[in-house]
Amino acid sequence: MCSPSVYRRQAESNEQTALAAKNGFPDWAVIMCFYAALHWVNDYAFQQGEIEELEEAGENDSSQKLHKLRRLYVKKISRINKWRDLEDAYVFLFGVSMTARYLRGLENLNRTAREHYSNNESVVQNCFDCLEVVKSRLS
């Protein structure tokens, strides 16, 4: 039996961190759920021999371009396998992580990401639910 890929191990590590952060640091739980999902995508691409599709941007390109490549890859495999829930879950996690990381959509509310997610526990729980969708489809 082969040992798990580094991507799978990182996904599992990120999920453990998300669980540890859930109570008290919900903004970081949201972020880590997204990054766990990202590494589940990497693991799937690696297992399929398609990891290069996620790295085509090169070392000098922005993380924004790398995230776009990953979203396009998720869209592709979702369509091929008829996994609409996978694409929906990944897009949701990306969006809430952008809110947590860059305060996207919170600027006019005058609240931090931690304040926002502390008052929106259902959104935080939805992140864990979406991560389960990603894991179940890609592992």
Protein backbone atom coordinates (compact mmCIF):
# COMPACT_ATOMS: atom_id res chain seq x y z
CA MET A 1 0.00 0.00 0.00
CA CYS A 2 1.32 3.43 -0.94
CA SER A 3 1.72 6.05 1.73
CA PRO A 4 -0.58 9.08 1.46
CA SER A 5 0.66 11.94 -0.69
CA VAL A 6 2.03 15.09 0.89
CA TYR A 7 -1.09 16.87 -0.36
CA ARG A 8 -3.40 14.49 1.49
CA ARG A 9 -1.34 14.78 4.64
CA GLN A 10 -1.46 18.59 4.38
CA ALA A 11 -5.23 18.50 3.82
CA GLU A 12 -5.66 16.39 6.94
CA SER A 13 -3.36 18.68 8.93
CA ASN A 14 -5.28 21.76 7.79
CA GLU A 15 -8.58 20.15 8.76
CA GLN A 16 -7.23 19.37 12.24
CA THR A 17 -6.16 23.00 12.56
CA ALA A 18 -9.62 24.14 11.43
CA LEU A 19 -11.26 21.98 14.07
CA ALA A 20 -8.94 23.34 16.75
CA ALA A 21 -9.70 26.92 15.66
CA LYS A 22 -13.47 26.51 15.35
CA ASN A 23 -14.22 27.74 18.87
CA GLY A 24 -12.45 31.02 19.50
CA PHE A 25 -10.87 31.62 16.10
CA PRO A 26 -13.67 30.96 13.60
CA ASP A 27 -12.03 33.16 10.97
CA TRP A 28 -9.03 30.84 10.96
CA ALA A 29 -11.30 27.79 10.93
CA VAL A 30 -12.87 29.13 7.72
CA ILE A 31 -9.47 29.80 6.17
CA MET A 32 -8.12 26.38 7.10
CA CYS A 33 -11.22 24.62 5.74
CA PHE A 34 -10.54 26.28 2.41
CA TYR A 35 -6.87 25.33 2.44
CA ALA A 36 -7.76 21.77 3.41
CA ALA A 37 -10.08 21.65 0.39
CA LEU A 38 -7.35 23.11 -1.81
CA HIS A 39 -4.99 20.30 -0.82
CA TRP A 40 -7.69 17.68 -1.41
CA VAL A 41 -7.90 19.06 -4.95
CA ASN A 42 -4.11 18.89 -5.22
CA ASP A 43 -4.15 15.30 -3.97
CA TYR A 44 -6.79 14.30 -6.51
CA ALA A 45 -4.88 15.96 -9.35
CA PHE A 46 -1.68 14.27 -8.18
CA GLN A 47 -3.37 10.84 -8.09
CA GLN A 48 -4.77 11.46 -11.60
CA GLY A 49 -1.37 12.52 -12.96
CA GLU A 50 -2.73 16.03 -13.56
CA ILE A 51 -0.94 18.06 -10.89
CA GLU A 52 0.84 20.06 -13.62
CA GLU A 53 -2.52 21.61 -14.56
CA LEU A 54 -2.50 23.32 -11.17
CA GLU A 55 1.08 24.53 -11.45
CA GLU A 56 1.14 25.86 -15.02
CA ALA A 57 1.31 29.45 -13.87
CA GLY A 58 4.94 29.14 -12.85
CA GLU A 59 6.86 30.47 -9.89
CA ASN A 60 6.57 34.15 -10.80
CA ASP A 61 2.80 34.23 -11.24
CA SER A 62 0.45 35.44 -8.57
CA SER A 63 -1.43 33.26 -6.13
CA GLN A 64 -4.58 34.72 -7.72
CA LYS A 65 -3.72 33.00 -11.00
CA LEU A 66 -2.95 29.75 -9.18
CA HIS A 67 -6.33 29.92 -7.41
CA LYS A 68 -8.02 30.48 -10.77
CA LEU A 69 -6.29 27.43 -12.25
CA ARG A 70 -7.49 25.36 -9.32
CA ARG A 71 -11.08 26.62 -9.63
CA LEU A 72 -11.05 25.78 -13.35
CA TYR A 73 -9.73 22.31 -12.55
CA VAL A 74 -12.49 21.77 -9.97
CA LYS A 75 -15.04 22.93 -12.53
CA LYS A 76 -13.63 20.48 -15.10
CA ILE A 77 -13.64 17.44 -12.83
CA SER A 78 -17.06 18.39 -11.45
CA ARG A 79 -18.52 18.43 -14.96
CA ILE A 80 -16.78 15.23 -16.08
CA ASN A 81 -17.90 13.31 -13.00
CA LYS A 82 -21.27 15.08 -12.60
CA TRP A 83 -20.24 16.29 -9.13
CA ARG A 84 -22.04 19.64 -9.02
CA ASP A 85 -21.84 19.60 -5.24
CA LEU A 86 -18.03 19.55 -5.45
CA GLU A 87 -17.86 22.74 -7.48
CA ASP A 88 -20.46 24.44 -5.28
CA ALA A 89 -18.59 23.47 -2.10
CA TYR A 90 -15.20 24.60 -3.40
CA VAL A 91 -16.54 27.93 -4.68
CA PHE A 92 -18.27 28.55 -1.35
CA LEU A 93 -15.09 27.81 0.61
CA PHE A 94 -13.05 30.07 -1.65
CA GLY A 95 -15.53 32.91 -1.19
CA VAL A 96 -15.75 32.74 2.58
CA SER A 97 -11.97 32.43 2.84
CA MET A 98 -11.65 35.64 0.82
CA THR A 99 -13.93 37.32 3.35
CA ALA A 100 -11.86 35.94 6.23
CA ARG A 101 -8.51 36.80 4.67
CA TYR A 102 -9.22 40.15 3.01
CA LEU A 103 -12.42 41.33 4.73
CA ARG A 104 -14.17 41.18 1.37
CA GLY A 105 -17.70 42.39 1.97
CA LEU A 106 -17.02 43.45 5.56
CA GLU A 107 -15.53 46.88 4.88
CA ASN A 108 -18.80 48.76 5.34
CA LEU A 109 -19.90 46.66 8.29
CA ASN A 110 -16.99 47.84 10.45
CA ARG A 111 -16.24 44.37 11.77
CA THR A 112 -13.29 42.03 11.69
CA ALA A 113 -13.49 38.59 10.15
CA ARG A 114 -13.38 37.07 13.63
CA GLU A 115 -16.33 39.21 14.74
CA HIS A 116 -18.20 38.32 11.57
CA TYR A 117 -17.74 34.57 11.82
CA SER A 118 -18.28 34.54 15.60
CA ASN A 119 -21.75 35.92 14.87
CA ASN A 120 -22.35 33.51 11.97
CA GLU A 121 -21.74 30.06 13.41
CA SER A 122 -23.93 28.46 10.74
CA VAL A 123 -21.57 29.75 8.04
CA VAL A 124 -18.60 28.27 9.90
CA GLN A 125 -20.40 24.94 10.21
CA ASN A 126 -21.25 25.10 6.51
CA CYS A 127 -17.50 25.36 5.82
CA PHE A 128 -16.96 22.04 7.56
CA ASP A 129 -19.91 20.55 5.68
CA CYS A 130 -18.47 21.77 2.37
CA LEU A 131 -15.08 20.37 3.28
CA GLU A 132 -16.76 16.99 3.84
CA VAL A 133 -18.23 17.19 0.32
CA VAL A 134 -14.79 17.90 -1.12
CA LYS A 135 -13.21 15.06 0.86
CA SER A 136 -15.93 12.56 -0.04
CA ARG A 137 -15.64 13.33 -3.75
CA LEU A 138 -11.86 13.48 -3.99
CA SER A 139 -10.54 10.95 -1.49
